[in-house]
Amino acid sequence: MTTSELKVPDPHRLSKVQAFCLSSSPYEGYDEHAFVEAMKEVTAWHIEKNQFYRSLCLLERFDLDRIQTLADLSLIPSVMAHFFKEYEELSVKTEQVALHLTSSGTTGQKSQVFFDEWSIKAPQRMLDLIFKYYGWVTPDQPTNYILYTYETESDSKLGTAYTDNYLCQYAPVKNVEIALKMQGDGSHSFDFSGVLRALKSYEQEGLPVRLFGFPAFLNETVERMDKLGVHLKLHPDSLVFLGGGWKGKAKEAISKEALYQKVTKVLGIPNERLRDGFGSVEHCIPYVECAQHEFHQPVWSHVLIRDVQTLKPIESGVGFLSFVSPYMTSMPAHAVTMGDLASVHHNCPCGNPRPFFRLIGRAGTTQNKSCAIAAAEILGGKS
């Protein structure tokens, strides 16, 4: 879909949203005024179109006219991401829903997120621009893939599988090996033998290899290969792009630095080609590590840190990771607070002018399971 074909649900009511979200550079040319105006426009949209959000704004005595600056965006009522695990809320008609994704894997509560065409295509375009920015769009280079994600049925609504398969468009697919094989009872198991066979074959073939998905499974792969004494030298243009975090395996998790060192040692992929990504079905703006392994916020998003007790924004320190972005028109997730704990920083040595955040951990209970938690249970033999 071309930029000219990508339209908001109501071009008259959401013209500022469309203009702002279709900016062409992911990290440069940031326009604060345009961002604020787009946020005001999409907030007014959800107040009008969604009864729940309208009631929330009334409860918080929210006055849209008070939103004048970037700092004022913290006043926009934010919805906890956990809310979408319990309730289905639309700001568009059901016939306008183009895609329905869920956040969980084989177990746990599932966020039910509904996208109109704009709300899914706009962040996909953003990811396209970010991959282009980093030089990862290689249409003339056939590539082999390892997907550390769930093997799904053809009509699956699982968000992580959808994302990982979407990522295969940036380099032509030669072969694909999916690491989490579906069993006859609908559960999944980690197919280390299949991954190892594929990696050995890929090394012999000599094409670049892209490994996408949960870091816990990549770690399991390189750990077991190292113990077996199997070290490979994959093509130097290979790429690791992780997502989902360790979450339920936090006690067993190692630092990204340690994981990256093992990947370079066992698979021969250089450090600058090892990246992590952050995102969720509730907030699809892509956050991609730079060469310094920091999560920069693109121009389409503003990151807030909220106090864990009061949910008020804090200028420094650790708190709940909260996002505001005008792209989401199908559901009132334009201002959303995650269960992740993080801190915001500035002046990255990589030269990217945009602020970045660092993930500290995840708040919540065992009932609040994400895709990564469900995946981690498979590694723990709980599938």
Foldseek 3Di string as FASTA:
>chain_A
DDLVPQADPDCVLQVLQSVVLPDQAFFPPFDFQSFLVNLLSLLVLCLVQWPVQVVVCVVLVPDSVVRGGPVCVLSRDAAAQVVQLPDDTWSDDPVQFDAWAWWADPDFGTRTFTAGPQLVVSLLVSVVSVCVVVVNQDAPFEEEEEEAAADDDPPHRYPQVVVSVSVCNRYHYDYYHYQWYADPVRHTAGDLVSVVVVLVVQLVVQGAYEYEEALVNLLVNLVVCVVVVAAGAHHQPHAYEYEDYQALCVVVDDDPVVSLVSCCGRHVHDLQRYKYWYDGSLGSNIFIQHSVHWGFRTSQKDWFFAAQPPRRTDPWDKHWIWMAGSSGNTGPSNTYTYQWIKTKDADDPVPRHGITIDTDHGDDDPNHDGHSSSSVVSVVVND
